[in-house]
Amino acid sequence: MPCRITLDGRARMIDLYTWTTPNGRKASIMLEELGLAYRAIAVDIGKGEQFRPEFLAIAPNNRIPAIVDHDNDDFSLMESGAILIYLAEKTGRLMSKEPKARMRTIEWLMWQMGGVGPMIGQAHHFLRARPDASEYAAERYREEARRLYGVLDRRLEGREYIVDEYSIADIATWPWIARFEWHQVDIREFTHVRRWYERIAVRPAVQRGYQVPAYTTPVPMPAD
């Protein structure tokens, strides 16, 4: 990855505190797309490392991802959506400066943050992690996941990306859809979602960012 050097010869980069989750992958994919110098610091949420005091000082909500931008007076920031907006504004990329397009991008980013993330996250819990916990919850979140796929499919009809050009709205949403095998939703039923998903999946920066902070599996691809 590139490395920015200050006049005094010291490298200035971004520390990314993350794990191999959809929210974590949003930030690493964004950094890879932008080509910014960064250091990935693993926070193993399976071991409770997100509750360590040193991480709490950076991310008061004890959730990954979080960043510290040493190129900006060691500015720290939590919440994946905020990180995407910050990095887009820092670089002037992946979010339009045209007012209406900018707000449309933020609108769909908020859709992901308020809908896809929490609702599909619950589907992960009740369909995969605890399938025996509640038949009602499993059905509720399975159907909500399916509804959200439908919303996205209708949005993508006639479009290559969520807001016409590839943006932080796509980067925020794609890692959640990448777990389509967990959702008990057949992505092949959603033609426009599948087309969009596969187009983004082969981007080199997405391939790299998906494996941060460690390799897990190849990027999932729908079966023919």
Protein backbone atom coordinates (compact mmCIF):
# COMPACT_ATOMS: atom_id res chain seq x y z
CA MET A 1 0.00 0.00 0.00
CA PRO A 2 1.22 3.59 -0.54
CA CYS A 3 2.89 5.44 2.28
CA ARG A 4 2.82 9.21 2.68
CA ILE A 5 6.01 10.77 4.06
CA THR A 6 6.21 14.08 5.90
CA LEU A 7 9.00 16.59 5.40
CA ASP A 8 10.75 15.33 8.51
CA GLY A 9 10.82 11.84 7.02
CA ARG A 10 8.18 10.25 9.24
CA ALA A 11 5.41 8.17 7.71
CA ARG A 12 1.92 9.53 8.31
CA MET A 13 -0.87 7.06 7.92
CA ILE A 14 -4.21 5.92 9.25
CA ASP A 15 -4.57 3.24 11.91
CA LEU A 16 -7.60 1.06 11.21
CA TYR A 17 -8.94 -0.94 14.14
CA THR A 18 -11.06 -3.66 12.61
CA TRP A 19 -12.20 -7.26 12.34
CA THR A 20 -13.53 -9.52 9.57
CA THR A 21 -17.15 -8.33 9.71
CA PRO A 22 -19.27 -6.43 7.20
CA ASN A 23 -18.79 -3.17 9.08
CA GLY A 24 -15.06 -3.71 9.36
CA ARG A 25 -14.80 -4.50 5.67
CA LYS A 26 -16.52 -1.24 4.75
CA ALA A 27 -13.57 0.71 6.13
CA SER A 28 -10.81 -1.50 4.71
CA ILE A 29 -12.40 -1.57 1.25
CA MET A 30 -12.73 2.22 1.35
CA LEU A 31 -9.08 2.65 2.30
CA GLU A 32 -8.01 0.26 -0.44
CA GLU A 33 -10.15 2.05 -3.02
CA LEU A 34 -8.62 5.38 -2.06
CA GLY A 35 -5.07 4.05 -1.94
CA LEU A 36 -4.45 5.69 1.43
CA ALA A 37 -1.62 4.46 3.61
CA TYR A 38 -3.00 2.58 6.58
CA ARG A 39 -2.12 0.03 9.20
CA ALA A 40 -4.70 -2.62 10.06
CA ILE A 41 -4.90 -3.45 13.76
CA ALA A 42 -6.96 -6.54 14.51
CA VAL A 43 -9.57 -6.27 17.27
CA ASP A 44 -10.78 -9.83 17.83
CA ILE A 45 -14.39 -9.36 18.85
CA GLY A 46 -14.69 -13.10 19.54
CA LYS A 47 -12.22 -12.63 22.37
CA GLY A 48 -13.79 -9.41 23.64
CA GLU A 49 -10.86 -7.24 22.60
CA GLN A 50 -13.27 -4.43 21.73
CA PHE A 51 -13.78 -3.91 25.46
CA ARG A 52 -10.15 -3.20 26.24
CA PRO A 53 -9.59 0.27 27.75
CA GLU A 54 -7.17 1.30 25.00
CA PHE A 55 -9.81 0.62 22.35
CA LEU A 56 -12.52 2.31 24.42
CA ALA A 57 -10.42 5.48 24.35
CA ILE A 58 -10.70 5.48 20.55
CA ALA A 59 -14.19 4.02 20.13
CA PRO A 60 -16.44 4.85 23.12
CA ASN A 61 -19.17 2.52 21.80
CA ASN A 62 -16.81 -0.50 21.85
CA ARG A 63 -17.54 -1.37 18.24
CA ILE A 64 -15.30 -1.82 15.24
CA PRO A 65 -14.25 -0.24 12.97
CA ALA A 66 -12.49 2.84 14.24
CA ILE A 67 -9.67 4.91 12.81
CA VAL A 68 -6.96 7.23 14.00
CA ASP A 69 -5.77 9.59 11.27
CA HIS A 70 -2.18 10.50 12.08
CA ASP A 71 -2.21 12.76 9.03
CA ASN A 72 -4.81 14.93 10.78
CA ASP A 73 -3.53 15.57 14.30
CA ASP A 74 -4.25 11.97 15.39
CA PHE A 75 -7.96 12.48 14.83
CA SER A 76 -9.95 9.42 15.95
CA LEU A 77 -13.34 8.39 14.64
CA MET A 78 -15.73 5.51 15.25
CA GLU A 79 -18.86 4.31 13.38
CA SER A 80 -18.41 2.90 9.90
CA GLY A 81 -20.72 5.35 8.15
CA ALA A 82 -18.96 8.33 9.69
CA ILE A 83 -15.61 6.87 8.66
CA LEU A 84 -16.75 6.50 5.04
CA ILE A 85 -17.99 10.11 4.91
CA TYR A 86 -14.79 11.37 6.56
CA LEU A 87 -12.52 9.55 4.13
CA ALA A 88 -14.62 10.63 1.14
CA GLU A 89 -14.42 14.25 2.24
CA LYS A 90 -10.71 13.96 3.07
CA THR A 91 -9.91 12.80 -0.45
CA GLY A 92 -12.73 14.29 -2.50
CA ARG A 93 -13.55 10.86 -3.87
CA LEU A 94 -16.40 8.33 -3.84
CA MET A 95 -19.03 10.91 -2.87
CA SER A 96 -20.27 13.48 -5.35
CA LYS A 97 -19.80 17.16 -4.57
CA GLU A 98 -22.95 18.00 -6.52
CA PRO A 99 -25.49 18.79 -3.76
CA LYS A 100 -28.36 16.53 -4.86
CA ALA A 101 -26.12 13.57 -5.72
CA ARG A 102 -24.24 14.04 -2.45
CA MET A 103 -27.47 13.90 -0.45
CA ARG A 104 -28.70 10.90 -2.44
CA THR A 105 -25.48 9.11 -1.55
CA ILE A 106 -25.91 9.98 2.12
CA GLU A 107 -29.57 8.90 1.92
CA TRP A 108 -28.62 5.41 0.77
CA LEU A 109 -25.74 5.25 3.23
CA MET A 110 -28.27 5.95 5.99
CA TRP A 111 -30.54 3.24 4.52
CA GLN A 112 -27.71 0.80 4.97
CA MET A 113 -26.85 2.02 8.46
CA GLY A 114 -30.45 2.02 9.66
CA GLY A 115 -31.80 -0.98 7.78
CA VAL A 116 -29.42 -3.39 6.10
CA GLY A 117 -26.86 -3.40 8.91
CA PRO A 118 -29.03 -3.87 12.00
CA MET A 119 -31.78 -5.93 10.39
CA ILE A 120 -29.57 -8.31 8.44
CA GLY A 121 -27.30 -8.42 11.48
CA GLN A 122 -30.24 -9.80 13.42
CA ALA A 123 -30.87 -12.29 10.61
CA HIS A 124 -27.29 -13.48 11.06
CA HIS A 125 -27.93 -14.02 14.75
CA PHE A 126 -31.29 -15.79 14.59
CA LEU A 127 -30.76 -17.73 11.36
CA ARG A 128 -27.14 -18.78 11.79
CA ALA A 129 -25.76 -18.21 15.28
CA ARG A 130 -28.88 -19.13 17.29
CA PRO A 131 -31.36 -20.84 14.97
CA ASP A 132 -32.99 -22.56 17.96
CA ALA A 133 -33.59 -19.36 19.92
CA SER A 134 -36.87 -18.14 18.45
CA GLU A 135 -38.88 -19.32 15.47
CA TYR A 136 -40.70 -15.99 15.47
CA ALA A 137 -37.46 -13.96 15.37
CA ALA A 138 -35.98 -16.18 12.66
CA GLU A 139 -39.02 -15.65 10.45
CA ARG A 140 -39.20 -11.94 11.18
CA TYR A 141 -35.60 -11.22 10.23
CA ARG A 142 -35.58 -13.64 7.29
CA GLU A 143 -38.52 -11.76 5.80
CA GLU A 144 -37.00 -8.37 6.59
CA ALA A 145 -33.76 -9.40 4.88
CA ARG A 146 -35.79 -10.44 1.85
CA ARG A 147 -37.66 -7.12 1.88
CA LEU A 148 -34.37 -5.20 1.95
CA TYR A 149 -33.04 -7.23 -0.97
CA GLY A 150 -36.18 -6.19 -2.83
CA VAL A 151 -35.64 -2.51 -2.04
CA LEU A 152 -32.08 -2.73 -3.31
CA ASP A 153 -33.12 -4.67 -6.40
CA ARG A 154 -35.66 -2.04 -7.39
CA ARG A 155 -33.14 0.73 -6.79
CA LEU A 156 -30.56 -0.96 -9.02
CA GLU A 157 -32.90 -1.52 -11.96
CA GLY A 158 -31.38 0.46 -14.82
CA ARG A 159 -28.36 1.46 -12.69
CA GLU A 160 -24.88 0.04 -12.35
CA TYR A 161 -24.49 1.40 -8.82
CA ILE A 162 -26.80 2.61 -6.05
CA VAL A 163 -26.31 6.30 -6.88
CA ASP A 164 -25.31 5.85 -10.54
CA GLU A 165 -21.56 6.17 -9.88
CA TYR A 166 -19.65 3.86 -7.54
CA SER A 167 -19.69 5.51 -4.12
CA ILE A 168 -19.65 5.05 -0.38
CA ALA A 169 -23.28 3.87 -0.63
CA ASP A 170 -22.08 0.80 -2.52
CA ILE A 171 -19.07 0.29 -0.27
CA ALA A 172 -21.31 0.39 2.82
CA THR A 173 -23.90 -2.05 1.48
CA TRP A 174 -21.83 -4.59 -0.45
CA PRO A 175 -20.10 -6.29 2.55
CA TRP A 176 -23.49 -7.09 4.07
CA ILE A 177 -24.78 -8.64 0.87
CA ALA A 178 -21.50 -10.58 0.68
CA ARG A 179 -22.97 -12.78 3.42
CA PHE A 180 -25.95 -13.71 1.23
CA GLU A 181 -25.43 -17.38 2.09
CA TRP A 182 -26.29 -16.56 5.71
CA HIS A 183 -29.59 -14.82 4.93
CA GLN A 184 -31.67 -17.72 3.58
CA VAL A 185 -32.37 -15.48 0.59
CA ASP A 186 -31.52 -16.72 -2.89
CA ILE A 187 -29.58 -13.81 -4.40
CA ARG A 188 -30.27 -15.26 -7.85
CA GLU A 189 -33.91 -14.19 -7.45
CA PHE A 190 -32.77 -10.57 -7.32
CA THR A 191 -31.28 -10.07 -10.76
CA HIS A 192 -30.15 -6.49 -10.31
CA VAL A 193 -28.64 -7.12 -6.88
CA ARG A 194 -26.69 -10.08 -8.21
CA ARG A 195 -25.38 -8.11 -11.18
CA TRP A 196 -24.32 -5.22 -8.90
CA TYR A 197 -22.81 -7.58 -6.34
CA GLU A 198 -20.70 -9.43 -8.88
CA ARG A 199 -19.49 -6.22 -10.54
CA ILE A 200 -18.18 -4.91 -7.22
CA ALA A 201 -16.83 -8.27 -6.03
CA VAL A 202 -14.17 -8.40 -8.74
CA ARG A 203 -12.75 -4.95 -8.05
CA PRO A 204 -9.11 -5.39 -6.93
CA ALA A 205 -9.55 -3.03 -3.97
CA VAL A 206 -12.60 -4.98 -2.80
CA GLN A 207 -10.72 -8.26 -3.10
CA ARG A 208 -7.90 -6.82 -0.95
CA GLY A 209 -10.11 -5.04 1.56
CA TYR A 210 -12.24 -8.13 2.12
CA GLN A 211 -9.22 -9.93 3.61
CA VAL A 212 -8.38 -7.26 6.23
CA PRO A 213 -7.18 -7.77 8.91
CA ALA A 214 -6.68 -11.42 7.94
CA TYR A 215 -7.59 -13.84 5.19
CA THR A 216 -10.80 -15.74 5.87
CA THR A 217 -12.34 -17.18 2.71
CA PRO A 218 -12.46 -16.14 -0.93
CA VAL A 219 -15.01 -13.46 -1.68
CA PRO A 220 -18.33 -15.36 -1.92
CA MET A 221 -19.82 -15.57 -5.40
CA PRO A 222 -23.34 -16.73 -6.29
CA ALA A 223 -23.70 -20.15 -7.83
CA ASP A 224 -24.79 -20.35 -11.46
